[in-house]
């Protein structure tokens, strides 16, 4: 789902940043035209809006704990 969302945003002219633990997903994302960051906090540092597409609530909580200190107000 995340790659499909990213692809549509990129096709719509948006600059899309992302990160993934799976190297093959990172490669696919780059091929679509996405820019990659080493971790979610780095994405938050670069972006004014963030969309999450994660597998479950546990992962959402983990990522939010990482990015919250980096969110812009």
C-alpha atoms as a PDB file:
ATOM      1  CA  UNK A   1       0.000   0.000   0.000  1.00  0.00           C
ATOM      2  CA  UNK A   2       2.770   2.462   0.854  1.00  0.00           C
ATOM      3  CA  UNK A   3       4.494   2.165  -2.518  1.00  0.00           C
ATOM      4  CA  UNK A   4       1.183   2.622  -4.333  1.00  0.00           C
ATOM      5  CA  UNK A   5       0.472   5.804  -2.334  1.00  0.00           C
ATOM      6  CA  UNK A   6       3.988   7.093  -2.917  1.00  0.00           C
ATOM      7  CA  UNK A   7       3.759   6.384  -6.630  1.00  0.00           C
ATOM      8  CA  UNK A   8       0.513   8.360  -6.954  1.00  0.00           C
ATOM      9  CA  UNK A   9       1.946  11.301  -5.024  1.00  0.00           C
ATOM     10  CA  UNK A  10       5.123  11.313  -7.131  1.00  0.00           C
ATOM     11  CA  UNK A  11       3.039  11.147 -10.320  1.00  0.00           C
ATOM     12  CA  UNK A  12       1.060  14.102  -8.973  1.00  0.00           C
ATOM     13  CA  UNK A  13       4.220  16.179  -8.759  1.00  0.00           C
ATOM     14  CA  UNK A  14       4.868  15.919  -5.035  1.00  0.00           C
ATOM     15  CA  UNK A  15       8.335  15.480  -3.591  1.00  0.00           C
ATOM     16  CA  UNK A  16       8.066  12.275  -1.560  1.00  0.00           C
ATOM     17  CA  UNK A  17      10.508  11.185   1.146  1.00  0.00           C
ATOM     18  CA  UNK A  18      10.419   7.800   2.801  1.00  0.00           C
ATOM     19  CA  UNK A  19      12.292   5.113   4.657  1.00  0.00           C
ATOM     20  CA  UNK A  20      11.892   1.383   5.026  1.00  0.00           C
ATOM     21  CA  UNK A  21      13.735  -1.371   6.860  1.00  0.00           C
ATOM     22  CA  UNK A  22      13.531  -3.614   3.774  1.00  0.00           C
ATOM     23  CA  UNK A  23      16.270  -2.780   1.262  1.00  0.00           C
ATOM     24  CA  UNK A  24      14.236  -4.099  -1.673  1.00  0.00           C
ATOM     25  CA  UNK A  25      11.367  -1.702  -0.832  1.00  0.00           C
ATOM     26  CA  UNK A  26      13.831   1.196  -0.641  1.00  0.00           C
ATOM     27  CA  UNK A  27      15.136   0.307  -4.113  1.00  0.00           C
ATOM     28  CA  UNK A  28      11.612   0.143  -5.523  1.00  0.00           C
ATOM     29  CA  UNK A  29      10.739   3.473  -3.920  1.00  0.00           C
ATOM     30  CA  UNK A  30      13.830   5.115  -5.437  1.00  0.00           C
ATOM     31  CA  UNK A  31      12.952   3.697  -8.877  1.00  0.00           C
ATOM     32  CA  UNK A  32       9.557   5.379  -8.579  1.00  0.00           C
ATOM     33  CA  UNK A  33      11.325   8.702  -8.011  1.00  0.00           C
ATOM     34  CA  UNK A  34      11.148   8.877  -4.228  1.00  0.00           C
ATOM     35  CA  UNK A  35      13.895  10.273  -2.011  1.00  0.00           C
ATOM     36  CA  UNK A  36      15.062   8.106   0.856  1.00  0.00           C
ATOM     37  CA  UNK A  37      16.151   8.914   4.373  1.00  0.00           C
ATOM     38  CA  UNK A  38      17.948   6.601   6.803  1.00  0.00           C
ATOM     39  CA  UNK A  39      15.127   6.690   9.379  1.00  0.00           C
ATOM     40  CA  UNK A  40      11.703   8.133  10.153  1.00  0.00           C
ATOM     41  CA  UNK A  41      13.135  10.989  12.230  1.00  0.00           C
ATOM     42  CA  UNK A  42      15.125  12.144   9.194  1.00  0.00           C
ATOM     43  CA  UNK A  43      11.943  12.126   7.119  1.00  0.00           C
ATOM     44  CA  UNK A  44      10.237  14.280   9.762  1.00  0.00           C
ATOM     45  CA  UNK A  45      13.173  16.709   9.705  1.00  0.00           C
ATOM     46  CA  UNK A  46      12.727  17.176   5.938  1.00  0.00           C
ATOM     47  CA  UNK A  47       8.939  17.287   5.600  1.00  0.00           C
ATOM     48  CA  UNK A  48       6.098  19.577   6.605  1.00  0.00           C
ATOM     49  CA  UNK A  49       3.456  16.857   6.056  1.00  0.00           C
ATOM     50  CA  UNK A  50       3.760  13.159   6.821  1.00  0.00           C
ATOM     51  CA  UNK A  51       1.627  10.219   5.694  1.00  0.00           C
ATOM     52  CA  UNK A  52       2.099   6.879   7.403  1.00  0.00           C
ATOM     53  CA  UNK A  53       1.462   3.537   5.743  1.00  0.00           C
ATOM     54  CA  UNK A  54       2.502   0.946   8.291  1.00  0.00           C
ATOM     55  CA  UNK A  55       1.511  -2.666   8.947  1.00  0.00           C
ATOM     56  CA  UNK A  56      -0.044  -2.358  12.414  1.00  0.00           C
ATOM     57  CA  UNK A  57      -0.656  -0.162  15.458  1.00  0.00           C
ATOM     58  CA  UNK A  58       2.469  -1.348  17.246  1.00  0.00           C
ATOM     59  CA  UNK A  59       4.653  -0.125  14.386  1.00  0.00           C
ATOM     60  CA  UNK A  60       2.705   3.149  14.232  1.00  0.00           C
ATOM     61  CA  UNK A  61       3.401   3.764  17.933  1.00  0.00           C
ATOM     62  CA  UNK A  62       7.104   2.991  17.469  1.00  0.00           C
ATOM     63  CA  UNK A  63       7.447   5.329  14.490  1.00  0.00           C
ATOM     64  CA  UNK A  64       5.486   8.121  16.170  1.00  0.00           C
ATOM     65  CA  UNK A  65       7.719   7.898  19.234  1.00  0.00           C
ATOM     66  CA  UNK A  66      10.713   8.358  16.914  1.00  0.00           C
ATOM     67  CA  UNK A  67       9.319  11.239  14.865  1.00  0.00           C
ATOM     68  CA  UNK A  68       7.392  13.290  17.458  1.00  0.00           C
ATOM     69  CA  UNK A  69      10.460  15.177  18.712  1.00  0.00           C
ATOM     70  CA  UNK A  70      11.198  16.174  15.088  1.00  0.00           C
ATOM     71  CA  UNK A  71       7.753  17.406  14.062  1.00  0.00           C
ATOM     72  CA  UNK A  72       7.392  21.019  12.968  1.00  0.00           C
ATOM     73  CA  UNK A  73       4.646  23.114  14.496  1.00  0.00           C
END
